[in-house]
Structures are given as structure tokens and as C-alpha cells.
Amino acid sequence: AVPEGTLVPMRTPMLTIRNTKHGDKRFAWL
């Protein structure tokens, strides 16, 4: 994520989230 307190332009992601575990598809739903 960008640092908290950052002004972010509209339609620009403030954070990203993805599953890890070496691409283990069992946890992609999370």
C-alpha cells in the first residue's frame, strides 16, 4: 500500500492484495 496519509488520485489503487504460499491455488479464494 501507499503510506497512510498519502493523497491518492481517483481511479488509482491505494493498495494491492494477493495470495502467496508459492502460488498454492488452495488459498487463492482468500
PDB file of all heavy atoms in Angstrom:
ATOM      1  N   ALA A   1       0.823  -1.202   0.000  1.00  0.00           N
ATOM      2  CA  ALA A   1       0.000   0.000   0.000  1.00  0.00           C
ATOM      3  C   ALA A   1       0.858   1.254   0.000  1.00  0.00           C
ATOM      4  O   ALA A   1       2.032   1.222   0.382  1.00  0.00           O
ATOM      5  CB  ALA A   1      -0.917   0.006   1.223  1.00  0.00           C
ATOM      6  N   VAL A   2       0.253   2.349  -0.410  1.00  0.00           N
ATOM      7  CA  VAL A   2       0.915   3.646  -0.267  1.00  0.00           C
ATOM      8  C   VAL A   2       0.946   3.981   1.217  1.00  0.00           C
ATOM      9  O   VAL A   2       0.162   3.440   2.009  1.00  0.00           O
ATOM     10  CB  VAL A   2       0.162   4.740  -1.049  1.00  0.00           C
ATOM     11  CG1 VAL A   2       0.114   4.405  -2.534  1.00  0.00           C
ATOM     12  CG2 VAL A   2      -1.251   4.942  -0.501  1.00  0.00           C
ATOM     13  N   PRO A   3       1.846   4.861   1.677  1.00  0.00           N
ATOM     14  CA  PRO A   3       1.881   5.244   3.090  1.00  0.00           C
ATOM     15  C   PRO A   3       0.559   5.889   3.510  1.00  0.00           C
ATOM     16  O   PRO A   3      -0.053   6.633   2.735  1.00  0.00           O
ATOM     17  CB  PRO A   3       3.035   6.256   3.156  1.00  0.00           C
ATOM     18  CG  PRO A   3       3.898   5.933   1.970  1.00  0.00           C
ATOM     19  CD  PRO A   3       2.957   5.488   0.903  1.00  0.00           C
ATOM     20  N   GLU A   4       0.133   5.584   4.719  1.00  0.00           N
ATOM     21  CA  GLU A   4      -1.087   6.218   5.220  1.00  0.00           C
ATOM     22  C   GLU A   4      -0.874   7.726   5.320  1.00  0.00           C
ATOM     23  O   GLU A   4       0.194   8.191   5.710  1.00  0.00           O
ATOM     24  CB  GLU A   4      -1.471   5.625   6.577  1.00  0.00           C
ATOM     25  CG  GLU A   4      -1.830   4.158   6.480  1.00  0.00           C
ATOM     26  CD  GLU A   4      -2.542   3.635   7.706  1.00  0.00           C
ATOM     27  OE1 GLU A   4      -3.616   4.152   8.057  1.00  0.00           O
ATOM     28  OE2 GLU A   4      -2.001   2.700   8.332  1.00  0.00           O
ATOM     29  N   GLY A   5      -1.897   8.478   4.946  1.00  0.00           N
ATOM     30  CA  GLY A   5      -1.785   9.920   4.876  1.00  0.00           C
ATOM     31  C   GLY A   5      -1.470  10.423   3.479  1.00  0.00           C
ATOM     32  O   GLY A   5      -1.412  11.627   3.254  1.00  0.00           O
ATOM     33  N   THR A   6      -1.290   9.503   2.531  1.00  0.00           N
ATOM     34  CA  THR A   6      -0.998   9.877   1.149  1.00  0.00           C
ATOM     35  C   THR A   6      -2.269  10.296   0.422  1.00  0.00           C
ATOM     36  O   THR A   6      -3.308   9.655   0.558  1.00  0.00           O
ATOM     37  CB  THR A   6      -0.356   8.696   0.385  1.00  0.00           C
ATOM     38  OG1 THR A   6       0.867   8.341   1.012  1.00  0.00           O
ATOM     39  CG2 THR A   6      -0.093   9.060  -1.067  1.00  0.00           C
ATOM     40  N   LEU A   7      -2.191  11.369  -0.346  1.00  0.00           N
ATOM     41  CA  LEU A   7      -3.280  11.757  -1.236  1.00  0.00           C
ATOM     42  C   LEU A   7      -3.157  10.963  -2.532  1.00  0.00           C
ATOM     43  O   LEU A   7      -2.141  11.032  -3.221  1.00  0.00           O
ATOM     44  CB  LEU A   7      -3.226  13.255  -1.533  1.00  0.00           C
ATOM     45  CG  LEU A   7      -3.786  14.185  -0.458  1.00  0.00           C
ATOM     46  CD1 LEU A   7      -3.456  15.633  -0.792  1.00  0.00           C
ATOM     47  CD2 LEU A   7      -5.296  14.011  -0.330  1.00  0.00           C
ATOM     48  N   VAL A   8      -4.191  10.196  -2.839  1.00  0.00           N
ATOM     49  CA  VAL A   8      -4.151   9.298  -3.997  1.00  0.00           C
ATOM     50  C   VAL A   8      -5.163   9.779  -5.040  1.00  0.00           C
ATOM     51  O   VAL A   8      -6.334   9.992  -4.713  1.00  0.00           O
ATOM     52  CB  VAL A   8      -4.488   7.855  -3.566  1.00  0.00           C
ATOM     53  CG1 VAL A   8      -4.425   6.919  -4.763  1.00  0.00           C
ATOM     54  CG2 VAL A   8      -3.530   7.394  -2.471  1.00  0.00           C
ATOM     55  N   PRO A   9      -4.746   9.945  -6.291  1.00  0.00           N
ATOM     56  CA  PRO A   9      -5.690  10.354  -7.342  1.00  0.00           C
ATOM     57  C   PRO A   9      -6.802   9.314  -7.513  1.00  0.00           C
ATOM     58  O   PRO A   9      -6.574   8.106  -7.349  1.00  0.00           O
ATOM     59  CB  PRO A   9      -4.819  10.436  -8.595  1.00  0.00           C
ATOM     60  CG  PRO A   9      -3.428  10.620  -8.084  1.00  0.00           C
ATOM     61  CD  PRO A   9      -3.372   9.857  -6.793  1.00  0.00           C
ATOM     62  N   MET A  10      -8.003   9.785  -7.827  1.00  0.00           N
ATOM     63  CA  MET A  10      -9.109   8.880  -8.092  1.00  0.00           C
ATOM     64  C   MET A  10      -8.742   7.910  -9.215  1.00  0.00           C
ATOM     65  O   MET A  10      -8.004   8.245 -10.130  1.00  0.00           O
ATOM     66  CB  MET A  10     -10.366   9.667  -8.479  1.00  0.00           C
ATOM     67  CG  MET A  10     -10.966  10.465  -7.347  1.00  0.00           C
ATOM     68  SD  MET A  10     -11.617   9.364  -6.053  1.00  0.00           S
ATOM     69  CE  MET A  10     -12.074  10.590  -4.814  1.00  0.00           C
ATOM     70  N   ARG A  11      -9.244   6.697  -9.101  1.00  0.00           N
ATOM     71  CA  ARG A  11      -9.019   5.605 -10.054  1.00  0.00           C
ATOM     72  C   ARG A  11      -7.576   5.115 -10.048  1.00  0.00           C
ATOM     73  O   ARG A  11      -7.113   4.507 -11.001  1.00  0.00           O
ATOM     74  CB  ARG A  11      -9.469   6.007 -11.469  1.00  0.00           C
ATOM     75  CG  ARG A  11     -10.963   6.260 -11.577  1.00  0.00           C
ATOM     76  CD  ARG A  11     -11.381   6.758 -12.940  1.00  0.00           C
ATOM     77  NE  ARG A  11     -10.811   8.065 -13.232  1.00  0.00           N
ATOM     78  CZ  ARG A  11     -11.304   9.215 -12.757  1.00  0.00           C
ATOM     79  NH1 ARG A  11     -12.370   9.194 -11.982  1.00  0.00           N
ATOM     80  NH2 ARG A  11     -10.749  10.362 -13.067  1.00  0.00           N
ATOM     81  N   THR A  12      -6.871   5.406  -8.923  1.00  0.00           N
ATOM     82  CA  THR A  12      -5.521   4.882  -8.722  1.00  0.00           C
ATOM     83  C   THR A  12      -5.528   3.944  -7.522  1.00  0.00           C
ATOM     84  O   THR A  12      -6.046   4.310  -6.463  1.00  0.00           O
ATOM     85  CB  THR A  12      -4.521   6.028  -8.469  1.00  0.00           C
ATOM     86  OG1 THR A  12      -4.524   6.920  -9.580  1.00  0.00           O
ATOM     87  CG2 THR A  12      -3.115   5.490  -8.252  1.00  0.00           C
ATOM     88  N   PRO A  13      -5.003   2.728  -7.624  1.00  0.00           N
ATOM     89  CA  PRO A  13      -5.025   1.799  -6.492  1.00  0.00           C
ATOM     90  C   PRO A  13      -4.298   2.367  -5.280  1.00  0.00           C
ATOM     91  O   PRO A  13      -3.198   2.905  -5.396  1.00  0.00           O
ATOM     92  CB  PRO A  13      -4.302   0.560  -7.029  1.00  0.00           C
ATOM     93  CG  PRO A  13      -4.475   0.627  -8.509  1.00  0.00           C
ATOM     94  CD  PRO A  13      -4.446   2.093  -8.840  1.00  0.00           C
ATOM     95  N   MET A  14      -4.930   2.220  -4.097  1.00  0.00           N
ATOM     96  CA  MET A  14      -4.297   2.607  -2.838  1.00  0.00           C
ATOM     97  C   MET A  14      -3.566   1.431  -2.217  1.00  0.00           C
ATOM     98  O   MET A  14      -2.601   1.606  -1.482  1.00  0.00           O
ATOM     99  CB  MET A  14      -5.341   3.161  -1.868  1.00  0.00           C
ATOM    100  CG  MET A  14      -5.990   4.447  -2.352  1.00  0.00           C
ATOM    101  SD  MET A  14      -7.048   5.237  -1.108  1.00  0.00           S
ATOM    102  CE  MET A  14      -8.443   4.102  -1.102  1.00  0.00           C
ATOM    103  N   LEU A  15      -4.054   0.230  -2.499  1.00  0.00           N
ATOM    104  CA  LEU A  15      -3.352  -0.963  -2.027  1.00  0.00           C
ATOM    105  C   LEU A  15      -3.618  -2.107  -2.979  1.00  0.00           C
ATOM    106  O   LEU A  15      -4.583  -2.100  -3.749  1.00  0.00           O
ATOM    107  CB  LEU A  15      -3.754  -1.339  -0.596  1.00  0.00           C
ATOM    108  CG  LEU A  15      -5.156  -1.860  -0.278  1.00  0.00           C
ATOM    109  CD1 LEU A  15      -5.322  -3.346  -0.606  1.00  0.00           C
ATOM    110  CD2 LEU A  15      -5.476  -1.656   1.198  1.00  0.00           C
ATOM    111  N   THR A  16      -2.744  -3.110  -2.925  1.00  0.00           N
ATOM    112  CA  THR A  16      -2.934  -4.348  -3.665  1.00  0.00           C
ATOM    113  C   THR A  16      -2.880  -5.501  -2.682  1.00  0.00           C
ATOM    114  O   THR A  16      -2.239  -5.421  -1.630  1.00  0.00           O
ATOM    115  CB  THR A  16      -1.849  -4.546  -4.739  1.00  0.00           C
ATOM    116  OG1 THR A  16      -0.563  -4.695  -4.105  1.00  0.00           O
ATOM    117  CG2 THR A  16      -1.813  -3.369  -5.696  1.00  0.00           C
ATOM    118  N   ILE A  17      -3.558  -6.586  -3.018  1.00  0.00           N
ATOM    119  CA  ILE A  17      -3.588  -7.767  -2.160  1.00  0.00           C
ATOM    120  C   ILE A  17      -3.579  -9.009  -3.047  1.00  0.00           C
ATOM    121  O   ILE A  17      -4.256  -9.061  -4.068  1.00  0.00           O
ATOM    122  CB  ILE A  17      -4.825  -7.750  -1.227  1.00  0.00           C
ATOM    123  CG1 ILE A  17      -4.881  -9.021  -0.369  1.00  0.00           C
ATOM    124  CG2 ILE A  17      -6.108  -7.553  -2.014  1.00  0.00           C
ATOM    125  CD1 ILE A  17      -5.985  -8.989   0.696  1.00  0.00           C
ATOM    126  N   ARG A  18      -2.774  -9.994  -2.676  1.00  0.00           N
ATOM    127  CA  ARG A  18      -2.724 -11.247  -3.424  1.00  0.00           C
ATOM    128  C   ARG A  18      -2.406 -12.390  -2.471  1.00  0.00           C
ATOM    129  O   ARG A  18      -1.830 -12.198  -1.405  1.00  0.00           O
ATOM    130  CB  ARG A  18      -1.679 -11.189  -4.535  1.00  0.00           C
ATOM    131  CG  ARG A  18      -0.245 -11.067  -4.048  1.00  0.00           C
ATOM    132  CD  ARG A  18       0.749 -11.107  -5.205  1.00  0.00           C
ATOM    133  NE  ARG A  18       2.109 -10.881  -4.778  1.00  0.00           N
ATOM    134  CZ  ARG A  18       2.926 -11.845  -4.316  1.00  0.00           C
ATOM    135  NH1 ARG A  18       2.489 -13.092  -4.233  1.00  0.00           N
ATOM    136  NH2 ARG A  18       4.156 -11.553  -3.947  1.00  0.00           N
ATOM    137  N   ASN A  19      -2.775 -13.579  -2.878  1.00  0.00           N
ATOM    138  CA  ASN A  19      -2.423 -14.766  -2.091  1.00  0.00           C
ATOM    139  C   ASN A  19      -0.990 -15.180  -2.405  1.00  0.00           C
ATOM    140  O   ASN A  19      -0.455 -14.888  -3.470  1.00  0.00           O
ATOM    141  CB  ASN A  19      -3.377 -15.917  -2.380  1.00  0.00           C
ATOM    142  CG  ASN A  19      -3.372 -16.325  -3.842  1.00  0.00           C
ATOM    143  OD1 ASN A  19      -3.791 -15.547  -4.700  1.00  0.00           O
ATOM    144  ND2 ASN A  19      -2.908 -17.535  -4.131  1.00  0.00           N
ATOM    145  N   THR A  20      -0.354 -15.824  -1.452  1.00  0.00           N
ATOM    146  CA  THR A  20       1.044 -16.248  -1.627  1.00  0.00           C
ATOM    147  C   THR A  20       1.135 -17.767  -1.523  1.00  0.00           C
ATOM    148  O   THR A  20       0.469 -18.473  -2.246  1.00  0.00           O
ATOM    149  CB  THR A  20       1.942 -15.585  -0.557  1.00  0.00           C
ATOM    150  OG1 THR A  20       1.454 -15.934   0.743  1.00  0.00           O
ATOM    151  CG2 THR A  20       1.925 -14.078  -0.720  1.00  0.00           C
ATOM    152  N   LYS A  21       2.000 -18.236  -0.639  1.00  0.00           N
ATOM    153  CA  LYS A  21       2.213 -19.683  -0.457  1.00  0.00           C
ATOM    154  C   LYS A  21       2.676 -20.317  -1.764  1.00  0.00           C
ATOM    155  O   LYS A  21       2.189 -21.368  -2.194  1.00  0.00           O
ATOM    156  CB  LYS A  21       0.940 -20.357   0.068  1.00  0.00           C
ATOM    157  CG  LYS A  21       1.088 -21.780   0.572  1.00  0.00           C
ATOM    158  CD  LYS A  21       2.117 -21.932   1.650  1.00  0.00           C
ATOM    159  CE  LYS A  21       2.200 -23.388   2.098  1.00  0.00           C
ATOM    160  NZ  LYS A  21       3.397 -23.643   2.907  1.00  0.00           N
ATOM    161  N   HIS A  22       3.617 -19.619  -2.452  1.00  0.00           N
ATOM    162  CA  HIS A  22       4.216 -20.140  -3.667  1.00  0.00           C
ATOM    163  C   HIS A  22       3.162 -20.494  -4.719  1.00  0.00           C
ATOM    164  O   HIS A  22       3.256 -21.524  -5.390  1.00  0.00           O
ATOM    165  CB  HIS A  22       5.085 -21.365  -3.363  1.00  0.00           C
ATOM    166  CG  HIS A  22       6.107 -21.134  -2.302  1.00  0.00           C
ATOM    167  ND1 HIS A  22       7.116 -20.196  -2.432  1.00  0.00           N
ATOM    168  CD2 HIS A  22       6.267 -21.694  -1.068  1.00  0.00           C
ATOM    169  CE1 HIS A  22       7.856 -20.206  -1.333  1.00  0.00           C
ATOM    170  NE2 HIS A  22       7.366 -21.084  -0.492  1.00  0.00           N
ATOM    171  N   GLY A  23       2.147 -19.632  -4.815  1.00  0.00           N
ATOM    172  CA  GLY A  23       1.131 -19.858  -5.827  1.00  0.00           C
ATOM    173  C   GLY A  23       0.230 -21.031  -5.540  1.00  0.00           C
ATOM    174  O   GLY A  23      -0.343 -21.624  -6.454  1.00  0.00           O
ATOM    175  N   ASP A  24       0.071 -21.401  -4.282  1.00  0.00           N
ATOM    176  CA  ASP A  24      -0.783 -22.527  -3.906  1.00  0.00           C
ATOM    177  C   ASP A  24      -2.237 -22.165  -4.174  1.00  0.00           C
ATOM    178  O   ASP A  24      -2.809 -21.296  -3.521  1.00  0.00           O
ATOM    179  CB  ASP A  24      -0.574 -22.851  -2.425  1.00  0.00           C
ATOM    180  CG  ASP A  24      -1.192 -24.197  -2.050  1.00  0.00           C
ATOM    181  OD1 ASP A  24      -2.196 -24.584  -2.684  1.00  0.00           O
ATOM    182  OD2 ASP A  24      -0.669 -24.853  -1.138  1.00  0.00           O
ATOM    183  N   LYS A  25      -2.872 -22.828  -5.131  1.00  0.00           N
ATOM    184  CA  LYS A  25      -4.231 -22.471  -5.533  1.00  0.00           C
ATOM    185  C   LYS A  25      -5.264 -22.754  -4.443  1.00  0.00           C
ATOM    186  O   LYS A  25      -6.386 -22.261  -4.522  1.00  0.00           O
ATOM    187  CB  LYS A  25      -4.612 -23.227  -6.805  1.00  0.00           C
ATOM    188  CG  LYS A  25      -4.695 -24.745  -6.639  1.00  0.00           C
ATOM    189  CD  LYS A  25      -5.057 -25.395  -7.963  1.00  0.00           C
ATOM    190  CE  LYS A  25      -5.140 -26.908  -7.828  1.00  0.00           C
ATOM    191  NZ  LYS A  25      -5.461 -27.538  -9.127  1.00  0.00           N
ATOM    192  N   ARG A  26      -4.877 -23.520  -3.414  1.00  0.00           N
ATOM    193  CA  ARG A  26      -5.835 -23.797  -2.340  1.00  0.00           C
ATOM    194  C   ARG A  26      -6.248 -22.529  -1.609  1.00  0.00           C
ATOM    195  O   ARG A  26      -7.305 -22.486  -0.960  1.00  0.00           O
ATOM    196  CB  ARG A  26      -5.216 -24.773  -1.332  1.00  0.00           C
ATOM    197  CG  ARG A  26      -4.957 -26.177  -1.849  1.00  0.00           C
ATOM    198  CD  ARG A  26      -4.365 -27.026  -0.739  1.00  0.00           C
ATOM    199  NE  ARG A  26      -3.138 -26.433  -0.216  1.00  0.00           N
ATOM    200  CZ  ARG A  26      -2.600 -26.771   0.969  1.00  0.00           C
ATOM    201  NH1 ARG A  26      -3.186 -27.655   1.735  1.00  0.00           N
ATOM    202  NH2 ARG A  26      -1.477 -26.192   1.362  1.00  0.00           N
ATOM    203  N   PHE A  27      -5.435 -21.471  -1.694  1.00  0.00           N
ATOM    204  CA  PHE A  27      -5.720 -20.267  -0.912  1.00  0.00           C
ATOM    205  C   PHE A  27      -5.980 -19.039  -1.789  1.00  0.00           C
ATOM    206  O   PHE A  27      -6.036 -17.922  -1.286  1.00  0.00           O
ATOM    207  CB  PHE A  27      -4.558 -19.995   0.046  1.00  0.00           C
ATOM    208  CG  PHE A  27      -4.228 -21.175   0.914  1.00  0.00           C
ATOM    209  CD1 PHE A  27      -3.026 -21.856   0.756  1.00  0.00           C
ATOM    210  CD2 PHE A  27      -5.125 -21.634   1.859  1.00  0.00           C
ATOM    211  CE1 PHE A  27      -2.725 -22.968   1.542  1.00  0.00           C
ATOM    212  CE2 PHE A  27      -4.834 -22.736   2.650  1.00  0.00           C
ATOM    213  CZ  PHE A  27      -3.637 -23.407   2.498  1.00  0.00           C
ATOM    214  N   ALA A  28      -6.173 -19.254  -3.068  1.00  0.00           N
ATOM    215  CA  ALA A  28      -6.457 -18.130  -3.954  1.00  0.00           C
ATOM    216  C   ALA A  28      -7.777 -17.449  -3.593  1.00  0.00           C
ATOM    217  O   ALA A  28      -7.949 -16.249  -3.806  1.00  0.00           O
ATOM    218  CB  ALA A  28      -6.478 -18.604  -5.411  1.00  0.00           C
ATOM    219  N   TRP A  29      -8.701 -18.196  -3.032  1.00  0.00           N
ATOM    220  CA  TRP A  29     -10.014 -17.652  -2.672  1.00  0.00           C
ATOM    221  C   TRP A  29      -9.937 -16.568  -1.599  1.00  0.00           C
ATOM    222  O   TRP A  29     -10.820 -15.709  -1.496  1.00  0.00           O
ATOM    223  CB  TRP A  29     -10.924 -18.774  -2.161  1.00  0.00           C
ATOM    224  CG  TRP A  29     -10.404 -19.485  -0.931  1.00  0.00           C
ATOM    225  CD1 TRP A  29      -9.535 -20.541  -0.912  1.00  0.00           C
ATOM    226  CD2 TRP A  29     -10.712 -19.180   0.431  1.00  0.00           C
ATOM    227  NE1 TRP A  29      -9.271 -20.920   0.380  1.00  0.00           N
ATOM    228  CE2 TRP A  29      -9.984 -20.101   1.234  1.00  0.00           C
ATOM    229  CE3 TRP A  29     -11.518 -18.240   1.062  1.00  0.00           C
ATOM    230  CZ2 TRP A  29     -10.050 -20.102   2.631  1.00  0.00           C
ATOM    231  CZ3 TRP A  29     -11.583 -18.235   2.451  1.00  0.00           C
ATOM    232  CH2 TRP A  29     -10.854 -19.157   3.218  1.00  0.00           C
ATOM    233  N   LEU A  30      -8.848 -16.574  -0.788  1.00  0.00           N
ATOM    234  CA  LEU A  30      -8.746 -15.637   0.330  1.00  0.00           C
ATOM    235  C   LEU A  30      -8.695 -14.174  -0.106  1.00  0.00           C
ATOM    236  O   LEU A  30      -9.218 -13.285   0.574  1.00  0.00           O
ATOM    237  CB  LEU A  30      -7.484 -15.948   1.144  1.00  0.00           C
ATOM    238  CG  LEU A  30      -7.636 -16.738   2.437  1.00  0.00           C
ATOM    239  CD1 LEU A  30      -6.273 -16.968   3.056  1.00  0.00           C
ATOM    240  CD2 LEU A  30      -8.575 -16.043   3.405  1.00  0.00           C
TER     241      LEU A  30
END
